[in-house]
Amino acid sequence: MRYVALLRGINVGGKAKVEMARLKICFEGLGLTSVATYMNSGNVLFETGAKDRKRLIGRIERAIEKEFGFRVPLVLRTSAELARVTKSIPRTWVTDQRMRCDIMFLWPEADSRSILGKVPVRLELEDLKYVPGALVWRIDRCDAGKSKVSKVIGSDLYKQLTIRNINTVRKLEGLMRGR
């Protein structure tokens, strides 16, 4: 099975520094194959015969903590799961100078359509939609300062997600499919 591990909260603001070369070696040390990293934000593609996702996540998190000295939570997604997210988003939704589109990948405990009710949103300015495993948020850059979505930061929900911009997610999906 091919997965991408999406690590939460590393290499942000000079905290929780994780060197990608060491991270790759850490994954290989677990017997994972075809390991590759993408960007410095903690995206690790790999293959494994392991069937139990929850157990695999635990093994990876323990190995990262042993290697780097601090806990790094993560979620795993398959190429099919990434494709489901990207296919649900209009191609015109991008992250560029005029627009911002982020994907909030949810931990299993938070993964429910009902999560939409826990995220403050100004529907006249921004879009928020649920796709199994993720929330998709889009706003015009000129309105970003007016968004209420940022109120999620510091909440219990915030601890149960990791965020990537849509451009990164589309690239990861392509890498997983060999494009």
Foldseek 3Di string as FASTA:
>chain_A
DKKKKQWADDPPPPPNDDDQVVLQVLVVVVVWAPWDDDDRRRIIITDDPDDDQVVVQVSSQVSCCVSRVDGIHIHMDALVLLCQVLVVDPPPAFDDQFKWKKKWFFAPVCFDQCCVVVADFDVVFKDWGHDGRIIMIMGTPVCVVVTRRVVCPPPPRVVGTHMDTPVVSVVVSCVNVVD
